[in-house]
PDB file of N, CA and C in Angstrom:
ATOM      1  N   MET A   1      25.596  17.214  -5.411  1.00  0.00           N
ATOM      2  CA  MET A   1      25.620  15.769  -5.395  1.00  0.00           C
ATOM      3  C   MET A   1      24.191  15.286  -5.581  1.00  0.00           C
ATOM      4  N   ASP A   2      24.080  14.196  -6.273  1.00  0.00           N
ATOM      5  CA  ASP A   2      22.772  13.600  -6.520  1.00  0.00           C
ATOM      6  C   ASP A   2      22.815  12.147  -6.059  1.00  0.00           C
ATOM      7  N   TYR A   3      21.669  11.635  -5.695  1.00  0.00           N
ATOM      8  CA  TYR A   3      21.596  10.267  -5.180  1.00  0.00           C
ATOM      9  C   TYR A   3      20.801   9.393  -6.132  1.00  0.00           C
ATOM     10  N   LEU A   4      21.155   8.106  -6.123  1.00  0.00           N
ATOM     11  CA  LEU A   4      20.428   7.103  -6.892  1.00  0.00           C
ATOM     12  C   LEU A   4      19.849   6.084  -5.922  1.00  0.00           C
ATOM     13  N   ASN A   5      18.623   5.692  -6.189  1.00  0.00           N
ATOM     14  CA  ASN A   5      18.009   4.656  -5.371  1.00  0.00           C
ATOM     15  C   ASN A   5      18.397   3.291  -5.908  1.00  0.00           C
ATOM     16  N   LYS A   6      18.473   2.323  -5.012  1.00  0.00           N
ATOM     17  CA  LYS A   6      18.745   0.948  -5.429  1.00  0.00           C
ATOM     18  C   LYS A   6      17.441   0.192  -5.419  1.00  0.00           C
ATOM     19  N   PRO A   7      17.232  -0.623  -6.322  1.00  0.00           N
ATOM     20  CA  PRO A   7      18.072  -0.982  -7.460  1.00  0.00           C
ATOM     21  C   PRO A   7      18.113   0.171  -8.463  1.00  0.00           C
ATOM     22  N   VAL A   8      19.232   0.284  -9.143  1.00  0.00           N
ATOM     23  CA  VAL A   8      19.463   1.371 -10.086  1.00  0.00           C
ATOM     24  C   VAL A   8      18.609   1.150 -11.328  1.00  0.00           C
ATOM     25  N   ASN A   9      17.891   2.206 -11.680  1.00  0.00           N
ATOM     26  CA  ASN A   9      17.088   2.182 -12.900  1.00  0.00           C
ATOM     27  C   ASN A   9      17.970   2.729 -14.016  1.00  0.00           C
ATOM     28  N   PRO A  10      18.295   1.912 -15.038  1.00  0.00           N
ATOM     29  CA  PRO A  10      19.213   2.355 -16.096  1.00  0.00           C
ATOM     30  C   PRO A  10      18.739   3.625 -16.810  1.00  0.00           C
ATOM     31  N   ALA A  11      17.459   3.786 -17.035  1.00  0.00           N
ATOM     32  CA  ALA A  11      16.957   4.975 -17.731  1.00  0.00           C
ATOM     33  C   ALA A  11      17.202   6.231 -16.898  1.00  0.00           C
ATOM     34  N   ILE A  12      16.969   6.140 -15.613  1.00  0.00           N
ATOM     35  CA  ILE A  12      17.195   7.286 -14.720  1.00  0.00           C
ATOM     36  C   ILE A  12      18.693   7.594 -14.646  1.00  0.00           C
ATOM     37  N   LEU A  13      19.513   6.555 -14.567  1.00  0.00           N
ATOM     38  CA  LEU A  13      20.954   6.747 -14.517  1.00  0.00           C
ATOM     39  C   LEU A  13      21.462   7.439 -15.788  1.00  0.00           C
ATOM     40  N   ARG A  14      21.017   6.977 -16.950  1.00  0.00           N
ATOM     41  CA  ARG A  14      21.423   7.611 -18.217  1.00  0.00           C
ATOM     42  C   ARG A  14      20.971   9.073 -18.246  1.00  0.00           C
ATOM     43  N   SER A  15      19.770   9.325 -17.791  1.00  0.00           N
ATOM     44  CA  SER A  15      19.247  10.690 -17.777  1.00  0.00           C
ATOM     45  C   SER A  15      20.091  11.592 -16.877  1.00  0.00           C
ATOM     46  N   LYS A  16      20.435  11.106 -15.699  1.00  0.00           N
ATOM     47  CA  LYS A  16      21.246  11.900 -14.769  1.00  0.00           C
ATOM     48  C   LYS A  16      22.646  12.142 -15.335  1.00  0.00           C
ATOM     49  N   VAL A  17      23.240  11.129 -15.936  1.00  0.00           N
ATOM     50  CA  VAL A  17      24.566  11.284 -16.536  1.00  0.00           C
ATOM     51  C   VAL A  17      24.510  12.301 -17.662  1.00  0.00           C
ATOM     52  N   ALA A  18      23.470  12.234 -18.482  1.00  0.00           N
ATOM     53  CA  ALA A  18      23.328  13.182 -19.592  1.00  0.00           C
ATOM     54  C   ALA A  18      23.188  14.610 -19.074  1.00  0.00           C
ATOM     55  N   ILE A  19      22.419  14.790 -18.039  1.00  0.00           N
ATOM     56  CA  ILE A  19      22.217  16.133 -17.476  1.00  0.00           C
ATOM     57  C   ILE A  19      23.519  16.678 -16.899  1.00  0.00           C
ATOM     58  N   PHE A  20      24.224  15.856 -16.107  1.00  0.00           N
ATOM     59  CA  PHE A  20      25.478  16.326 -15.524  1.00  0.00           C
ATOM     60  C   PHE A  20      26.543  16.563 -16.595  1.00  0.00           C
ATOM     61  N   SER A  21      26.540  15.743 -17.622  1.00  0.00           N
ATOM     62  CA  SER A  21      27.473  15.939 -18.729  1.00  0.00           C
ATOM     63  C   SER A  21      27.176  17.253 -19.445  1.00  0.00           C
ATOM     64  N   GLU A  22      25.915  17.534 -19.700  1.00  0.00           N
ATOM     65  CA  GLU A  22      25.524  18.789 -20.341  1.00  0.00           C
ATOM     66  C   GLU A  22      25.888  19.993 -19.472  1.00  0.00           C
ATOM     67  N   LEU A  23      25.643  19.893 -18.173  1.00  0.00           N
ATOM     68  CA  LEU A  23      26.005  20.986 -17.258  1.00  0.00           C
ATOM     69  C   LEU A  23      27.512  21.244 -17.292  1.00  0.00           C
ATOM     70  N   ARG A  24      28.300  20.189 -17.336  1.00  0.00           N
ATOM     71  CA  ARG A  24      29.755  20.351 -17.371  1.00  0.00           C
ATOM     72  C   ARG A  24      30.190  21.007 -18.677  1.00  0.00           C
ATOM     73  N   ARG A  25      29.596  20.600 -19.802  1.00  0.00           N
ATOM     74  CA  ARG A  25      29.931  21.231 -21.091  1.00  0.00           C
ATOM     75  C   ARG A  25      29.587  22.717 -21.065  1.00  0.00           C
ATOM     76  N   LYS A  26      28.428  23.040 -20.514  1.00  0.00           N
ATOM     77  CA  LYS A  26      28.027  24.448 -20.438  1.00  0.00           C
ATOM     78  C   LYS A  26      28.958  25.235 -19.522  1.00  0.00           C
ATOM     79  N   GLN A  27      29.373  24.610 -18.434  1.00  0.00           N
ATOM     80  CA  GLN A  27      30.294  25.272 -17.519  1.00  0.00           C
ATOM     81  C   GLN A  27      31.630  25.555 -18.222  1.00  0.00           C
ATOM     82  N   ARG A  28      32.151  24.578 -18.962  1.00  0.00           N
ATOM     83  CA  ARG A  28      33.404  24.786 -19.698  1.00  0.00           C
ATOM     84  C   ARG A  28      33.245  25.895 -20.730  1.00  0.00           C
ATOM     85  N   ASN A  29      32.106  25.885 -21.410  1.00  0.00           N
ATOM     86  CA  ASN A  29      31.849  26.932 -22.407  1.00  0.00           C
ATOM     87  C   ASN A  29      31.842  28.311 -21.748  1.00  0.00           C
ATOM     88  N   LEU A  30      31.188  28.425 -20.614  1.00  0.00           N
ATOM     89  CA  LEU A  30      31.156  29.706 -19.897  1.00  0.00           C
ATOM     90  C   LEU A  30      32.557  30.120 -19.447  1.00  0.00           C
ATOM     91  N   GLU A  31      33.351  29.163 -19.012  1.00  0.00           N
ATOM     92  CA  GLU A  31      34.725  29.471 -18.608  1.00  0.00           C
ATOM     93  C   GLU A  31      35.531  29.977 -19.800  1.00  0.00           C
ATOM     94  N   ASP A  32      35.342  29.342 -20.964  1.00  0.00           N
ATOM     95  CA  ASP A  32      36.036  29.790 -22.178  1.00  0.00           C
ATOM     96  C   ASP A  32      35.610  31.199 -22.575  1.00  0.00           C
ATOM     97  N   VAL A  33      34.314  31.449 -22.531  1.00  0.00           N
ATOM     98  CA  VAL A  33      33.799  32.772 -22.881  1.00  0.00           C
ATOM     99  C   VAL A  33      34.317  33.814 -21.893  1.00  0.00           C
ATOM    100  N   ASN A  34      34.356  33.451 -20.628  1.00  0.00           N
ATOM    101  CA  ASN A  34      34.845  34.376 -19.607  1.00  0.00           C
ATOM    102  C   ASN A  34      36.320  34.706 -19.837  1.00  0.00           C
ATOM    103  N   ARG A  35      37.125  33.699 -20.170  1.00  0.00           N
ATOM    104  CA  ARG A  35      38.541  33.954 -20.462  1.00  0.00           C
ATOM    105  C   ARG A  35      38.687  34.881 -21.671  1.00  0.00           C
ATOM    106  N   ALA A  36      37.875  34.647 -22.693  1.00  0.00           N
ATOM    107  CA  ALA A  36      37.929  35.497 -23.892  1.00  0.00           C
ATOM    108  C   ALA A  36      37.536  36.933 -23.552  1.00  0.00           C
ATOM    109  N   LEU A  37      36.521  37.089 -22.731  1.00  0.00           N
ATOM    110  CA  LEU A  37      36.096  38.435 -22.334  1.00  0.00           C
ATOM    111  C   LEU A  37      37.170  39.139 -21.510  1.00  0.00           C
ATOM    112  N   LEU A  38      37.800  38.413 -20.613  1.00  0.00           N
ATOM    113  CA  LEU A  38      38.874  39.007 -19.811  1.00  0.00           C
ATOM    114  C   LEU A  38      40.048  39.429 -20.700  1.00  0.00           C
ATOM    115  N   ALA A  39      40.350  38.619 -21.699  1.00  0.00           N
ATOM    116  CA  ALA A  39      41.415  38.979 -22.634  1.00  0.00           C
ATOM    117  C   ALA A  39      41.027  40.227 -23.419  1.00  0.00           C
ATOM    118  N   GLU A  40      39.775  40.321 -23.829  1.00  0.00           N
ATOM    119  CA  GLU A  40      39.303  41.490 -24.575  1.00  0.00           C
ATOM    120  C   GLU A  40      39.367  42.750 -23.707  1.00  0.00           C
ATOM    121  N   VAL A  41      38.961  42.629 -22.458  1.00  0.00           N
ATOM    122  CA  VAL A  41      39.021  43.770 -21.533  1.00  0.00           C
ATOM    123  C   VAL A  41      40.471  44.217 -21.356  1.00  0.00           C
ATOM    124  N   SER A  42      41.360  43.256 -21.177  1.00  0.00           N
ATOM    125  CA  SER A  42      42.781  43.583 -21.017  1.00  0.00           C
ATOM    126  C   SER A  42      43.326  44.275 -22.263  1.00  0.00           C
ATOM    127  N   SER A  43      42.971  43.758 -23.424  1.00  0.00           N
ATOM    128  CA  SER A  43      43.419  44.353 -24.680  1.00  0.00           C
ATOM    129  C   SER A  43      42.895  45.777 -24.828  1.00  0.00           C
ATOM    130  N   ARG A  44      41.643  45.978 -24.508  1.00  0.00           N
ATOM    131  CA  ARG A  44      41.056  47.324 -24.618  1.00  0.00           C
ATOM    132  C   ARG A  44      41.664  48.289 -23.621  1.00  0.00           C
ATOM    133  N   ARG A  45      41.988  47.804 -22.436  1.00  0.00           N
ATOM    134  CA  ARG A  45      42.639  48.682 -21.453  1.00  0.00           C
ATOM    135  C   ARG A  45      44.013  49.106 -21.936  1.00  0.00           C
ATOM    136  N   ARG A  46      44.767  48.160 -22.528  1.00  0.00           N
ATOM    137  CA  ARG A  46      46.082  48.519 -23.078  1.00  0.00           C
ATOM    138  C   ARG A  46      45.924  49.546 -24.198  1.00  0.00           C
ATOM    139  N   ALA A  47      44.950  49.320 -25.072  1.00  0.00           N
ATOM    140  CA  ALA A  47      44.716  50.259 -26.177  1.00  0.00           C
ATOM    141  C   ALA A  47      44.299  51.621 -25.643  1.00  0.00           C
ATOM    142  N   GLU A  48      43.481  51.627 -24.620  1.00  0.00           N
ATOM    143  CA  GLU A  48      43.041  52.894 -24.023  1.00  0.00           C
ATOM    144  C   GLU A  48      44.223  53.644 -23.415  1.00  0.00           C
ATOM    145  N   GLU A  49      45.108  52.916 -22.740  1.00  0.00           N
ATOM    146  CA  GLU A  49      46.285  53.551 -22.149  1.00  0.00           C
ATOM    147  C   GLU A  49      47.201  54.111 -23.242  1.00  0.00           C
ATOM    148  N   GLN A  50      47.392  53.353 -24.321  1.00  0.00           N
ATOM    149  CA  GLN A  50      48.210  53.849 -25.426  1.00  0.00           C
ATOM    150  C   GLN A  50      47.589  55.096 -26.041  1.00  0.00           C
ATOM    151  N   LEU A  51      46.279  55.078 -26.209  1.00  0.00           N
ATOM    152  CA  LEU A  51      45.584  56.235 -26.758  1.00  0.00           C
ATOM    153  C   LEU A  51      45.734  57.443 -25.841  1.00  0.00           C
ATOM    154  N   ARG A  52      45.629  57.222 -24.552  1.00  0.00           N
ATOM    155  CA  ARG A  52      45.795  58.313 -23.583  1.00  0.00           C
ATOM    156  C   ARG A  52      47.202  58.904 -23.689  1.00  0.00           C
ATOM    157  N   GLU A  53      48.203  58.033 -23.797  1.00  0.00           N
ATOM    158  CA  GLU A  53      49.582  58.511 -23.924  1.00  0.00           C
ATOM    159  C   GLU A  53      49.768  59.291 -25.225  1.00  0.00           C
ATOM    160  N   LEU A  54      49.206  58.779 -26.316  1.00  0.00           N
ATOM    161  CA  LEU A  54      49.318  59.492 -27.591  1.00  0.00           C
ATOM    162  C   LEU A  54      48.599  60.837 -27.547  1.00  0.00           C
ATOM    163  N   ASN A  55      47.445  60.886 -26.900  1.00  0.00           N
ATOM    164  CA  ASN A  55      46.730  62.154 -26.762  1.00  0.00           C
ATOM    165  C   ASN A  55      47.539  63.150 -25.945  1.00  0.00           C
ATOM    166  N   ASN A  56      48.163  62.675 -24.883  1.00  0.00           N
ATOM    167  CA  ASN A  56      48.999  63.563 -24.069  1.00  0.00           C
ATOM    168  C   ASN A  56      50.169  64.099 -24.879  1.00  0.00           C
ATOM    169  N   THR A  57      50.803  63.226 -25.662  1.00  0.00           N
ATOM    170  CA  THR A  57      51.921  63.651 -26.509  1.00  0.00           C
ATOM    171  C   THR A  57      51.455  64.685 -27.529  1.00  0.00           C
ATOM    172  N   LEU A  58      50.331  64.420 -28.156  1.00  0.00           N
ATOM    173  CA  LEU A  58      49.791  65.354 -29.140  1.00  0.00           C
ATOM    174  C   LEU A  58      49.453  66.696 -28.491  1.00  0.00           C
ATOM    175  N   GLU A  59      48.873  66.660 -27.320  1.00  0.00           N
ATOM    176  CA  GLU A  59      48.531  67.900 -26.612  1.00  0.00           C
ATOM    177  C   GLU A  59      49.788  68.683 -26.281  1.00  0.00           C
ATOM    178  N   GLN A  60      50.845  67.988 -25.835  1.00  0.00           N
ATOM    179  CA  GLN A  60      52.099  68.671 -25.526  1.00  0.00           C
ATOM    180  C   GLN A  60      52.708  69.293 -26.784  1.00  0.00           C
ATOM    181  N   ARG A  61      52.688  68.558 -27.876  1.00  0.00           N
ATOM    182  CA  ARG A  61      53.233  69.097 -29.135  1.00  0.00           C
ATOM    183  C   ARG A  61      52.421  70.301 -29.604  1.00  0.00           C
ATOM    184  N   SER A  62      51.117  70.200 -29.480  1.00  0.00           N
ATOM    185  CA  SER A  62      50.244  71.290 -29.896  1.00  0.00           C
ATOM    186  C   SER A  62      50.505  72.533 -29.044  1.00  0.00           C
ATOM    187  N   LEU A  63      50.627  72.331 -27.754  1.00  0.00           N
ATOM    188  CA  LEU A  63      50.906  73.451 -26.854  1.00  0.00           C
ATOM    189  C   LEU A  63      52.262  74.068 -27.170  1.00  0.00           C
ATOM    190  N   SER A  64      53.258  73.238 -27.386  1.00  0.00           N
ATOM    191  CA  SER A  64      54.594  73.745 -27.729  1.00  0.00           C
ATOM    192  C   SER A  64      54.551  74.543 -29.021  1.00  0.00           C
ATOM    193  N   GLU A  65      53.827  74.030 -30.006  1.00  0.00           N
ATOM    194  CA  GLU A  65      53.724  74.718 -31.297  1.00  0.00           C
ATOM    195  C   GLU A  65      53.008  76.059 -31.130  1.00  0.00           C
ATOM    196  N   ARG A  66      51.942  76.094 -30.360  1.00  0.00           N
ATOM    197  CA  ARG A  66      51.228  77.362 -30.138  1.00  0.00           C
ATOM    198  C   ARG A  66      52.110  78.368 -29.430  1.00  0.00           C
ATOM    199  N   LEU A  67      52.854  77.902 -28.434  1.00  0.00           N
ATOM    200  CA  LEU A  67      53.742  78.812 -27.711  1.00  0.00           C
ATOM    201  C   LEU A  67      54.859  79.308 -28.618  1.00  0.00           C
ATOM    202  N   ARG A  68      55.397  78.423 -29.435  1.00  0.00           N
ATOM    203  CA  ARG A  68      56.471  78.799 -30.347  1.00  0.00           C
ATOM    204  C   ARG A  68      55.984  79.823 -31.366  1.00  0.00           C
ATOM    205  N   CYS A  69      54.786  79.634 -31.866  1.00  0.00           N
ATOM    206  CA  CYS A  69      54.255  80.550 -32.878  1.00  0.00           C
ATOM    207  C   CYS A  69      53.798  81.883 -32.290  1.00  0.00           C
ATOM    208  N   SER A  70      53.437  81.901 -31.030  1.00  0.00           N
ATOM    209  CA  SER A  70      52.926  83.144 -30.454  1.00  0.00           C
ATOM    210  C   SER A  70      54.024  84.020 -29.863  1.00  0.00           C
ATOM    211  N   CYS A  71      55.229  83.511 -29.703  1.00  0.00           N
ATOM    212  CA  CYS A  71      56.322  84.314 -29.147  1.00  0.00           C
ATOM    213  C   CYS A  71      56.938  85.158 -30.259  1.00  0.00           C
ATOM    214  N   PRO A  72      57.185  86.446 -29.990  1.00  0.00           N
ATOM    215  CA  PRO A  72      57.847  87.270 -31.003  1.00  0.00           C
ATOM    216  C   PRO A  72      59.271  86.790 -31.213  1.00  0.00           C
ATOM    217  N   ARG A  73      59.688  86.796 -32.465  1.00  0.00           N
ATOM    218  CA  ARG A  73      61.041  86.372 -32.798  1.00  0.00           C
ATOM    219  C   ARG A  73      61.969  87.587 -32.714  1.00  0.00           C
ATOM    220  N   PRO A  74      63.192  87.355 -32.311  1.00  0.00           N
ATOM    221  CA  PRO A  74      64.146  88.478 -32.265  1.00  0.00           C
ATOM    222  C   PRO A  74      64.291  89.089 -33.656  1.00  0.00           C
ATOM    223  N   GLY A  75      64.262  90.417 -33.703  1.00  0.00           N
ATOM    224  CA  GLY A  75      64.394  91.128 -34.964  1.00  0.00           C
ATOM    225  C   GLY A  75      63.081  91.355 -35.686  1.00  0.00           C
ATOM    226  N   SER A  76      61.973  90.804 -35.165  1.00  0.00           N
ATOM    227  CA  SER A  76      60.680  91.030 -35.807  1.00  0.00           C
ATOM    228  C   SER A  76      60.140  92.398 -35.402  1.00  0.00           C
ATOM    229  N   ALA A  77      59.164  92.879 -36.113  1.00  0.00           N
ATOM    230  CA  ALA A  77      58.596  94.201 -35.834  1.00  0.00           C
ATOM    231  C   ALA A  77      57.970  94.242 -34.452  1.00  0.00           C
ATOM    232  N   ILE A  78      57.344  93.171 -34.035  1.00  0.00           N
ATOM    233  CA  ILE A  78      56.702  93.154 -32.711  1.00  0.00           C
ATOM    234  C   ILE A  78      57.763  93.160 -31.626  1.00  0.00           C
ATOM    235  N   ALA A  79      58.824  92.394 -31.797  1.00  0.00           N
ATOM    236  CA  ALA A  79      59.864  92.330 -30.798  1.00  0.00           C
ATOM    237  C   ALA A  79      60.596  93.665 -30.644  1.00  0.00           C
ATOM    238  N   SER A  80      60.749  94.432 -31.724  1.00  0.00           N
ATOM    239  CA  SER A  80      61.484  95.694 -31.654  1.00  0.00           C
ATOM    240  C   SER A  80      60.589  96.865 -31.310  1.00  0.00           C
ATOM    241  N   GLY A  81      59.277  96.617 -31.218  1.00  0.00           N
ATOM    242  CA  GLY A  81      58.358  97.684 -30.835  1.00  0.00           C
ATOM    243  C   GLY A  81      57.935  98.540 -32.014  1.00  0.00           C
ATOM    244  N   ASN A  82      58.208  98.147 -33.243  1.00  0.00           N
ATOM    245  CA  ASN A  82      57.876  98.925 -34.447  1.00  0.00           C
ATOM    246  C   ASN A  82      56.648  98.349 -35.141  1.00  0.00           C
ATOM    247  N   SER A  83      55.723  97.884 -34.393  1.00  0.00           N
ATOM    248  CA  SER A  83      54.547  97.286 -35.052  1.00  0.00           C
ATOM    249  C   SER A  83      53.578  98.364 -35.490  1.00  0.00           C
ATOM    250  N   ARG A  84      53.043  98.208 -36.650  1.00  0.00           N
ATOM    251  CA  ARG A  84      52.038  99.142 -37.178  1.00  0.00           C
ATOM    252  C   ARG A  84      50.777  98.349 -37.460  1.00  0.00           C
ATOM    253  N   ILE A  85      49.699  98.850 -37.022  1.00  0.00           N
ATOM    254  CA  ILE A  85      48.422  98.180 -37.236  1.00  0.00           C
ATOM    255  C   ILE A  85      47.557  98.981 -38.149  1.00  0.00           C
TER     256      ILE A  85
END
């Protein structure tokens, strides 16, 4: 809160109004920027979670594929014990 002395000096009053008006505009701008930043953080967190899920899926598929390829198949030389090196 700010005080004005009486009698009111119009130049001082205009100056104070201009300053408070500018402060309010800057405050609104900061609030807008803050909302935009919060939205960006939220968006990035969602993207990060999706990426984590996709990485987990890929890792599971890769592991399954490695296990599938490394197991001897029935009827193969390794499975029947007839492997020659």
